[in-house]
Amino acid sequence: MYDVLIIGAGPAGISAAIYALRNNLKVGILEGEAPGGKMVFTATIENYPGYESINGPDLAYSMFNQVMNLGVNYLAFNAESLKKENDY
């Protein structure tokens, strides 16, 4: 059981996971492809905060490594549907 289940391990999903983990929540990230989203397929990323220029796979690996070191549970699956069962 997770407090937060994030669908997608791109920059937004990884950022969400970091903030949730730092608030002592149990977090799972669901990703059916390579962690990092589209940046994995991007040769050069420029003007990303902290980097003037970095290649996409390196940035994706760095972001993914950070969230793994914080203790996220990474689930290599695709989400096929969502079903709301309770109002919380």
PDB file of N, CA and C in Angstrom:
ATOM      1  N   MET A   1       0.848  -1.169   0.000  1.00  0.00           N
ATOM      2  CA  MET A   1       0.000   0.000   0.000  1.00  0.00           C
ATOM      3  C   MET A   1       0.897   1.237   0.000  1.00  0.00           C
ATOM      4  N   TYR A   2       0.527   2.209  -0.801  1.00  0.00           N
ATOM      5  CA  TYR A   2       1.291   3.449  -0.925  1.00  0.00           C
ATOM      6  C   TYR A   2       0.454   4.635  -0.458  1.00  0.00           C
ATOM      7  N   ASP A   3       1.136   5.639   0.067  1.00  0.00           N
ATOM      8  CA  ASP A   3       0.476   6.908   0.337  1.00  0.00           C
ATOM      9  C   ASP A   3       0.274   7.662  -0.972  1.00  0.00           C
ATOM     10  N   VAL A   4       1.271   7.525  -1.868  1.00  0.00           N
ATOM     11  CA  VAL A   4       1.246   8.206  -3.164  1.00  0.00           C
ATOM     12  C   VAL A   4       1.736   7.230  -4.222  1.00  0.00           C
ATOM     13  N   LEU A   5       0.972   7.076  -5.285  1.00  0.00           N
ATOM     14  CA  LEU A   5       1.392   6.280  -6.434  1.00  0.00           C
ATOM     15  C   LEU A   5       1.438   7.223  -7.625  1.00  0.00           C
ATOM     16  N   ILE A   6       2.620   7.412  -8.180  1.00  0.00           N
ATOM     17  CA  ILE A   6       2.840   8.359  -9.273  1.00  0.00           C
ATOM     18  C   ILE A   6       2.916   7.579 -10.572  1.00  0.00           C
ATOM     19  N   ILE A   7       2.162   8.029 -11.550  1.00  0.00           N
ATOM     20  CA  ILE A   7       2.196   7.400 -12.869  1.00  0.00           C
ATOM     21  C   ILE A   7       3.112   8.228 -13.751  1.00  0.00           C
ATOM     22  N   GLY A   8       4.245   7.646 -14.111  1.00  0.00           N
ATOM     23  CA  GLY A   8       5.215   8.307 -14.978  1.00  0.00           C
ATOM     24  C   GLY A   8       6.460   8.727 -14.227  1.00  0.00           C
ATOM     25  N   ALA A   9       7.618   8.384 -14.785  1.00  0.00           N
ATOM     26  CA  ALA A   9       8.903   8.709 -14.164  1.00  0.00           C
ATOM     27  C   ALA A   9       9.666   9.732 -14.990  1.00  0.00           C
ATOM     28  N   GLY A  10       8.941  10.695 -15.558  1.00  0.00           N
ATOM     29  CA  GLY A  10       9.584  11.827 -16.212  1.00  0.00           C
ATOM     30  C   GLY A  10       9.961  12.857 -15.157  1.00  0.00           C
ATOM     31  N   PRO A  11      10.417  14.031 -15.568  1.00  0.00           N
ATOM     32  CA  PRO A  11      10.831  15.053 -14.606  1.00  0.00           C
ATOM     33  C   PRO A  11       9.742  15.425 -13.603  1.00  0.00           C
ATOM     34  N   ALA A  12       8.498  15.532 -14.030  1.00  0.00           N
ATOM     35  CA  ALA A  12       7.418  15.899 -13.109  1.00  0.00           C
ATOM     36  C   ALA A  12       7.154  14.783 -12.101  1.00  0.00           C
ATOM     37  N   GLY A  13       7.099  13.548 -12.557  1.00  0.00           N
ATOM     38  CA  GLY A  13       6.869  12.424 -11.660  1.00  0.00           C
ATOM     39  C   GLY A  13       7.989  12.242 -10.658  1.00  0.00           C
ATOM     40  N   ILE A  14       9.227  12.383 -11.119  1.00  0.00           N
ATOM     41  CA  ILE A  14      10.373  12.247 -10.223  1.00  0.00           C
ATOM     42  C   ILE A  14      10.375  13.376  -9.196  1.00  0.00           C
ATOM     43  N   SER A  15      10.078  14.597  -9.639  1.00  0.00           N
ATOM     44  CA  SER A  15      10.016  15.729  -8.703  1.00  0.00           C
ATOM     45  C   SER A  15       8.926  15.512  -7.660  1.00  0.00           C
ATOM     46  N   ALA A  16       7.769  15.057  -8.096  1.00  0.00           N
ATOM     47  CA  ALA A  16       6.676  14.776  -7.157  1.00  0.00           C
ATOM     48  C   ALA A  16       7.087  13.716  -6.145  1.00  0.00           C
ATOM     49  N   ALA A  17       7.788  12.695  -6.615  1.00  0.00           N
ATOM     50  CA  ALA A  17       8.240  11.629  -5.725  1.00  0.00           C
ATOM     51  C   ALA A  17       9.218  12.156  -4.678  1.00  0.00           C
ATOM     52  N   ILE A  18      10.135  13.020  -5.092  1.00  0.00           N
ATOM     53  CA  ILE A  18      11.115  13.579  -4.154  1.00  0.00           C
ATOM     54  C   ILE A  18      10.413  14.343  -3.033  1.00  0.00           C
ATOM     55  N   TYR A  19       9.463  15.209  -3.402  1.00  0.00           N
ATOM     56  CA  TYR A  19       8.762  15.982  -2.378  1.00  0.00           C
ATOM     57  C   TYR A  19       7.924  15.096  -1.470  1.00  0.00           C
ATOM     58  N   ALA A  20       7.283  14.091  -2.033  1.00  0.00           N
ATOM     59  CA  ALA A  20       6.483  13.177  -1.217  1.00  0.00           C
ATOM     60  C   ALA A  20       7.369  12.364  -0.272  1.00  0.00           C
ATOM     61  N   LEU A  21       8.486  11.866  -0.778  1.00  0.00           N
ATOM     62  CA  LEU A  21       9.404  11.095   0.054  1.00  0.00           C
ATOM     63  C   LEU A  21       9.969  11.932   1.196  1.00  0.00           C
ATOM     64  N   ARG A  22      10.262  13.176   0.910  1.00  0.00           N
ATOM     65  CA  ARG A  22      10.805  14.058   1.948  1.00  0.00           C
ATOM     66  C   ARG A  22       9.756  14.444   2.981  1.00  0.00           C
ATOM     67  N   ASN A  23       8.500  14.127   2.697  1.00  0.00           N
ATOM     68  CA  ASN A  23       7.421  14.324   3.673  1.00  0.00           C
ATOM     69  C   ASN A  23       7.019  12.999   4.310  1.00  0.00           C
ATOM     70  N   ASN A  24       7.940  12.043   4.269  1.00  0.00           N
ATOM     71  CA  ASN A  24       7.778  10.742   4.931  1.00  0.00           C
ATOM     72  C   ASN A  24       6.566   9.954   4.449  1.00  0.00           C
ATOM     73  N   LEU A  25       6.260  10.066   3.167  1.00  0.00           N
ATOM     74  CA  LEU A  25       5.189   9.279   2.578  1.00  0.00           C
ATOM     75  C   LEU A  25       5.779   8.063   1.877  1.00  0.00           C
ATOM     76  N   LYS A  26       5.028   6.976   1.834  1.00  0.00           N
ATOM     77  CA  LYS A  26       5.450   5.795   1.094  1.00  0.00           C
ATOM     78  C   LYS A  26       5.044   6.002  -0.367  1.00  0.00           C
ATOM     79  N   VAL A  27       6.047   6.008  -1.254  1.00  0.00           N
ATOM     80  CA  VAL A  27       5.839   6.409  -2.644  1.00  0.00           C
ATOM     81  C   VAL A  27       6.198   5.279  -3.593  1.00  0.00           C
ATOM     82  N   GLY A  28       5.340   5.083  -4.595  1.00  0.00           N
ATOM     83  CA  GLY A  28       5.627   4.191  -5.704  1.00  0.00           C
ATOM     84  C   GLY A  28       5.542   4.979  -6.998  1.00  0.00           C
ATOM     85  N   ILE A  29       6.440   4.686  -7.915  1.00  0.00           N
ATOM     86  CA  ILE A  29       6.388   5.277  -9.257  1.00  0.00           C
ATOM     87  C   ILE A  29       6.133   4.150 -10.239  1.00  0.00           C
ATOM     88  N   LEU A  30       5.108   4.333 -11.048  1.00  0.00           N
ATOM     89  CA  LEU A  30       4.723   3.373 -12.075  1.00  0.00           C
ATOM     90  C   LEU A  30       5.203   3.895 -13.421  1.00  0.00           C
ATOM     91  N   GLU A  31       6.081   3.148 -14.087  1.00  0.00           N
ATOM     92  CA  GLU A  31       6.616   3.588 -15.389  1.00  0.00           C
ATOM     93  C   GLU A  31       6.828   2.371 -16.267  1.00  0.00           C
ATOM     94  N   GLY A  32       6.211   2.381 -17.435  1.00  0.00           N
ATOM     95  CA  GLY A  32       6.313   1.258 -18.357  1.00  0.00           C
ATOM     96  C   GLY A  32       7.479   1.335 -19.313  1.00  0.00           C
ATOM     97  N   GLU A  33       8.104   2.496 -19.399  1.00  0.00           N
ATOM     98  CA  GLU A  33       9.267   2.668 -20.287  1.00  0.00           C
ATOM     99  C   GLU A  33      10.467   3.051 -19.439  1.00  0.00           C
ATOM    100  N   ALA A  34      11.474   3.610 -20.060  1.00  0.00           N
ATOM    101  CA  ALA A  34      12.678   4.013 -19.331  1.00  0.00           C
ATOM    102  C   ALA A  34      12.397   5.209 -18.433  1.00  0.00           C
ATOM    103  N   PRO A  35      12.923   5.214 -17.216  1.00  0.00           N
ATOM    104  CA  PRO A  35      12.767   6.378 -16.350  1.00  0.00           C
ATOM    105  C   PRO A  35      13.397   7.608 -17.006  1.00  0.00           C
ATOM    106  N   GLY A  36      12.744   8.737 -16.848  1.00  0.00           N
ATOM    107  CA  GLY A  36      13.263   9.978 -17.417  1.00  0.00           C
ATOM    108  C   GLY A  36      12.353  10.589 -18.448  1.00  0.00           C
ATOM    109  N   GLY A  37      11.364   9.852 -18.898  1.00  0.00           N
ATOM    110  CA  GLY A  37      10.448  10.396 -19.895  1.00  0.00           C
ATOM    111  C   GLY A  37      11.136  10.658 -21.224  1.00  0.00           C
ATOM    112  N   LYS A  38      10.680  11.680 -21.903  1.00  0.00           N
ATOM    113  CA  LYS A  38      11.192  11.987 -23.242  1.00  0.00           C
ATOM    114  C   LYS A  38      12.640  12.455 -23.233  1.00  0.00           C
ATOM    115  N   MET A  39      13.136  12.932 -22.077  1.00  0.00           N
ATOM    116  CA  MET A  39      14.517  13.417 -22.071  1.00  0.00           C
ATOM    117  C   MET A  39      15.518  12.287 -22.300  1.00  0.00           C
ATOM    118  N   VAL A  40      15.109  11.034 -22.065  1.00  0.00           N
ATOM    119  CA  VAL A  40      15.991   9.906 -22.346  1.00  0.00           C
ATOM    120  C   VAL A  40      16.365   9.874 -23.835  1.00  0.00           C
ATOM    121  N   PHE A  41      15.475  10.373 -24.681  1.00  0.00           N
ATOM    122  CA  PHE A  41      15.694  10.348 -26.128  1.00  0.00           C
ATOM    123  C   PHE A  41      16.175  11.686 -26.676  1.00  0.00           C
ATOM    124  N   THR A  42      16.567  12.597 -25.771  1.00  0.00           N
ATOM    125  CA  THR A  42      16.993  13.930 -26.175  1.00  0.00           C
ATOM    126  C   THR A  42      18.510  14.022 -26.071  1.00  0.00           C
ATOM    127  N   ALA A  43      19.152  14.371 -27.166  1.00  0.00           N
ATOM    128  CA  ALA A  43      20.614  14.417 -27.199  1.00  0.00           C
ATOM    129  C   ALA A  43      21.168  15.465 -26.245  1.00  0.00           C
ATOM    130  N   THR A  44      20.674  16.684 -26.328  1.00  0.00           N
ATOM    131  CA  THR A  44      21.211  17.770 -25.509  1.00  0.00           C
ATOM    132  C   THR A  44      20.078  18.577 -24.902  1.00  0.00           C
ATOM    133  N   ILE A  45      20.164  18.801 -23.607  1.00  0.00           N
ATOM    134  CA  ILE A  45      19.209  19.657 -22.899  1.00  0.00           C
ATOM    135  C   ILE A  45      19.998  20.875 -22.430  1.00  0.00           C
ATOM    136  N   GLU A  46      19.525  22.049 -22.803  1.00  0.00           N
ATOM    137  CA  GLU A  46      20.227  23.277 -22.441  1.00  0.00           C
ATOM    138  C   GLU A  46      19.366  24.122 -21.517  1.00  0.00           C
ATOM    139  N   ASN A  47      20.045  24.864 -20.647  1.00  0.00           N
ATOM    140  CA  ASN A  47      19.422  25.806 -19.729  1.00  0.00           C
ATOM    141  C   ASN A  47      18.513  25.145 -18.697  1.00  0.00           C
ATOM    142  N   TYR A  48      18.768  23.892 -18.379  1.00  0.00           N
ATOM    143  CA  TYR A  48      18.059  23.242 -17.279  1.00  0.00           C
ATOM    144  C   TYR A  48      18.702  23.758 -15.996  1.00  0.00           C
ATOM    145  N   PRO A  49      17.919  24.096 -14.970  1.00  0.00           N
ATOM    146  CA  PRO A  49      18.517  24.640 -13.747  1.00  0.00           C
ATOM    147  C   PRO A  49      19.643  23.762 -13.213  1.00  0.00           C
ATOM    148  N   GLY A  50      20.777  24.372 -12.998  1.00  0.00           N
ATOM    149  CA  GLY A  50      21.952  23.664 -12.508  1.00  0.00           C
ATOM    150  C   GLY A  50      22.893  23.205 -13.599  1.00  0.00           C
ATOM    151  N   TYR A  51      22.432  23.229 -14.847  1.00  0.00           N
ATOM    152  CA  TYR A  51      23.256  22.791 -15.975  1.00  0.00           C
ATOM    153  C   TYR A  51      23.094  23.771 -17.136  1.00  0.00           C
ATOM    154  N   GLU A  52      24.207  24.173 -17.720  1.00  0.00           N
ATOM    155  CA  GLU A  52      24.098  24.961 -18.948  1.00  0.00           C
ATOM    156  C   GLU A  52      23.744  24.044 -20.110  1.00  0.00           C
ATOM    157  N   SER A  53      24.328  22.837 -20.086  1.00  0.00           N
ATOM    158  CA  SER A  53      24.069  21.855 -21.133  1.00  0.00           C
ATOM    159  C   SER A  53      24.385  20.465 -20.572  1.00  0.00           C
ATOM    160  N   ILE A  54      23.501  19.516 -20.838  1.00  0.00           N
ATOM    161  CA  ILE A  54      23.701  18.130 -20.405  1.00  0.00           C
ATOM    162  C   ILE A  54      22.947  17.232 -21.380  1.00  0.00           C
ATOM    163  N   ASN A  55      23.457  16.030 -21.608  1.00  0.00           N
ATOM    164  CA  ASN A  55      22.691  15.161 -22.502  1.00  0.00           C
ATOM    165  C   ASN A  55      21.545  14.526 -21.727  1.00  0.00           C
ATOM    166  N   GLY A  56      20.472  14.269 -22.436  1.00  0.00           N
ATOM    167  CA  GLY A  56      19.236  13.800 -21.826  1.00  0.00           C
ATOM    168  C   GLY A  56      19.369  12.540 -20.988  1.00  0.00           C
ATOM    169  N   PRO A  57      20.001  11.489 -21.534  1.00  0.00           N
ATOM    170  CA  PRO A  57      20.121  10.278 -20.724  1.00  0.00           C
ATOM    171  C   PRO A  57      20.894  10.484 -19.416  1.00  0.00           C
ATOM    172  N   ASP A  58      21.917  11.344 -19.431  1.00  0.00           N
ATOM    173  CA  ASP A  58      22.666  11.604 -18.198  1.00  0.00           C
ATOM    174  C   ASP A  58      21.792  12.304 -17.160  1.00  0.00           C
ATOM    175  N   LEU A  59      21.001  13.281 -17.599  1.00  0.00           N
ATOM    176  CA  LEU A  59      20.117  13.983 -16.684  1.00  0.00           C
ATOM    177  C   LEU A  59      19.038  13.031 -16.147  1.00  0.00           C
ATOM    178  N   ALA A  60      18.488  12.214 -17.020  1.00  0.00           N
ATOM    179  CA  ALA A  60      17.468  11.243 -16.599  1.00  0.00           C
ATOM    180  C   ALA A  60      18.042  10.287 -15.559  1.00  0.00           C
ATOM    181  N   TYR A  61      19.250   9.794 -15.796  1.00  0.00           N
ATOM    182  CA  TYR A  61      19.884   8.865 -14.852  1.00  0.00           C
ATOM    183  C   TYR A  61      20.130   9.546 -13.508  1.00  0.00           C
ATOM    184  N   SER A  62      20.608  10.784 -13.543  1.00  0.00           N
ATOM    185  CA  SER A  62      20.882  11.525 -12.322  1.00  0.00           C
ATOM    186  C   SER A  62      19.608  11.725 -11.500  1.00  0.00           C
ATOM    187  N   MET A  63      18.521  12.105 -12.165  1.00  0.00           N
ATOM    188  CA  MET A  63      17.250  12.324 -11.472  1.00  0.00           C
ATOM    189  C   MET A  63      16.712  11.010 -10.902  1.00  0.00           C
ATOM    190  N   PHE A  64      16.771   9.957 -11.694  1.00  0.00           N
ATOM    191  CA  PHE A  64      16.270   8.660 -11.252  1.00  0.00           C
ATOM    192  C   PHE A  64      17.105   8.122 -10.088  1.00  0.00           C
ATOM    193  N   ASN A  65      18.405   8.281 -10.174  1.00  0.00           N
ATOM    194  CA  ASN A  65      19.297   7.825  -9.106  1.00  0.00           C
ATOM    195  C   ASN A  65      18.987   8.543  -7.797  1.00  0.00           C
ATOM    196  N   GLN A  66      18.706   9.838  -7.861  1.00  0.00           N
ATOM    197  CA  GLN A  66      18.372  10.601  -6.659  1.00  0.00           C
ATOM    198  C   GLN A  66      17.124  10.044  -5.993  1.00  0.00           C
ATOM    199  N   VAL A  67      16.082   9.812  -6.763  1.00  0.00           N
ATOM    200  CA  VAL A  67      14.824   9.335  -6.185  1.00  0.00           C
ATOM    201  C   VAL A  67      14.965   7.890  -5.672  1.00  0.00           C
ATOM    202  N   MET A  68      15.768   7.092  -6.322  1.00  0.00           N
ATOM    203  CA  MET A  68      15.998   5.727  -5.830  1.00  0.00           C
ATOM    204  C   MET A  68      16.754   5.754  -4.505  1.00  0.00           C
ATOM    205  N   ASN A  69      17.743   6.659  -4.387  1.00  0.00           N
ATOM    206  CA  ASN A  69      18.501   6.783  -3.137  1.00  0.00           C
ATOM    207  C   ASN A  69      17.631   7.258  -1.977  1.00  0.00           C
ATOM    208  N   LEU A  70      16.548   7.949  -2.283  1.00  0.00           N
ATOM    209  CA  LEU A  70      15.629   8.405  -1.248  1.00  0.00           C
ATOM    210  C   LEU A  70      14.638   7.314  -0.830  1.00  0.00           C
ATOM    211  N   GLY A  71      14.582   6.213  -1.590  1.00  0.00           N
ATOM    212  CA  GLY A  71      13.766   5.079  -1.180  1.00  0.00           C
ATOM    213  C   GLY A  71      12.451   4.876  -1.906  1.00  0.00           C
ATOM    214  N   VAL A  72      12.318   5.402  -3.106  1.00  0.00           N
ATOM    215  CA  VAL A  72      11.086   5.182  -3.863  1.00  0.00           C
ATOM    216  C   VAL A  72      10.978   3.711  -4.277  1.00  0.00           C
ATOM    217  N   ASN A  73       9.771   3.221  -4.405  1.00  0.00           N
ATOM    218  CA  ASN A  73       9.534   1.898  -4.979  1.00  0.00           C
ATOM    219  C   ASN A  73       9.213   2.093  -6.452  1.00  0.00           C
ATOM    220  N   TYR A  74      10.076   1.592  -7.311  1.00  0.00           N
ATOM    221  CA  TYR A  74       9.911   1.733  -8.756  1.00  0.00           C
ATOM    222  C   TYR A  74       9.229   0.491  -9.301  1.00  0.00           C
ATOM    223  N   LEU A  75       8.128   0.685  -9.995  1.00  0.00           N
ATOM    224  CA  LEU A  75       7.338  -0.419 -10.537  1.00  0.00           C
ATOM    225  C   LEU A  75       7.335  -0.314 -12.054  1.00  0.00           C
ATOM    226  N   ALA A  76       7.918  -1.270 -12.734  1.00  0.00           N
ATOM    227  CA  ALA A  76       8.044  -1.243 -14.190  1.00  0.00           C
ATOM    228  C   ALA A  76       6.784  -1.809 -14.844  1.00  0.00           C
ATOM    229  N   PHE A  77       5.705  -1.028 -14.792  1.00  0.00           N
ATOM    230  CA  PHE A  77       4.425  -1.416 -15.377  1.00  0.00           C
ATOM    231  C   PHE A  77       3.782  -0.208 -16.040  1.00  0.00           C
ATOM    232  N   ASN A  78       2.902  -0.457 -16.992  1.00  0.00           N
ATOM    233  CA  ASN A  78       2.059   0.590 -17.570  1.00  0.00           C
ATOM    234  C   ASN A  78       0.747   0.652 -16.810  1.00  0.00           C
ATOM    235  N   ALA A  79       0.250   1.857 -16.593  1.00  0.00           N
ATOM    236  CA  ALA A  79      -1.087   2.022 -16.020  1.00  0.00           C
ATOM    237  C   ALA A  79      -2.084   1.912 -17.168  1.00  0.00           C
ATOM    238  N   GLU A  80      -3.046   1.042 -17.026  1.00  0.00           N
ATOM    239  CA  GLU A  80      -4.038   0.863 -18.084  1.00  0.00           C
ATOM    240  C   GLU A  80      -5.351   1.561 -17.771  1.00  0.00           C
ATOM    241  N   SER A  81      -5.658   1.717 -16.491  1.00  0.00           N
ATOM    242  CA  SER A  81      -6.880   2.418 -16.107  1.00  0.00           C
ATOM    243  C   SER A  81      -6.777   2.848 -14.647  1.00  0.00           C
ATOM    244  N   LEU A  82      -7.636   3.777 -14.282  1.00  0.00           N
ATOM    245  CA  LEU A  82      -7.743   4.229 -12.896  1.00  0.00           C
ATOM    246  C   LEU A  82      -9.182   4.080 -12.464  1.00  0.00           C
ATOM    247  N   LYS A  83      -9.388   3.695 -11.220  1.00  0.00           N
ATOM    248  CA  LYS A  83     -10.737   3.531 -10.702  1.00  0.00           C
ATOM    249  C   LYS A  83     -10.806   4.164  -9.319  1.00  0.00           C
ATOM    250  N   LYS A  84     -11.695   5.096  -9.143  1.00  0.00           N
ATOM    251  CA  LYS A  84     -11.903   5.735  -7.849  1.00  0.00           C
ATOM    252  C   LYS A  84     -12.858   4.879  -7.032  1.00  0.00           C
ATOM    253  N   GLU A  85     -12.428   4.493  -5.822  1.00  0.00           N
ATOM    254  CA  GLU A  85     -13.275   3.656  -4.987  1.00  0.00           C
ATOM    255  C   GLU A  85     -13.815   4.389  -3.773  1.00  0.00           C
ATOM    256  N   ASN A  86     -13.075   5.329  -3.213  1.00  0.00           N
ATOM    257  CA  ASN A  86     -13.498   6.030  -2.009  1.00  0.00           C
ATOM    258  C   ASN A  86     -13.213   7.525  -2.145  1.00  0.00           C
ATOM    259  N   ASP A  87     -13.967   8.316  -1.420  1.00  0.00           N
ATOM    260  CA  ASP A  87     -13.698   9.748  -1.342  1.00  0.00           C
ATOM    261  C   ASP A  87     -12.832   9.991  -0.114  1.00  0.00           C
ATOM    262  N   TYR A  88     -11.615  10.464  -0.336  1.00  0.00           N
ATOM    263  CA  TYR A  88     -10.706  10.774   0.779  1.00  0.00           C
ATOM    264  C   TYR A  88     -10.414  12.235   0.761  1.00  0.00           C
TER     265      TYR A  88
END
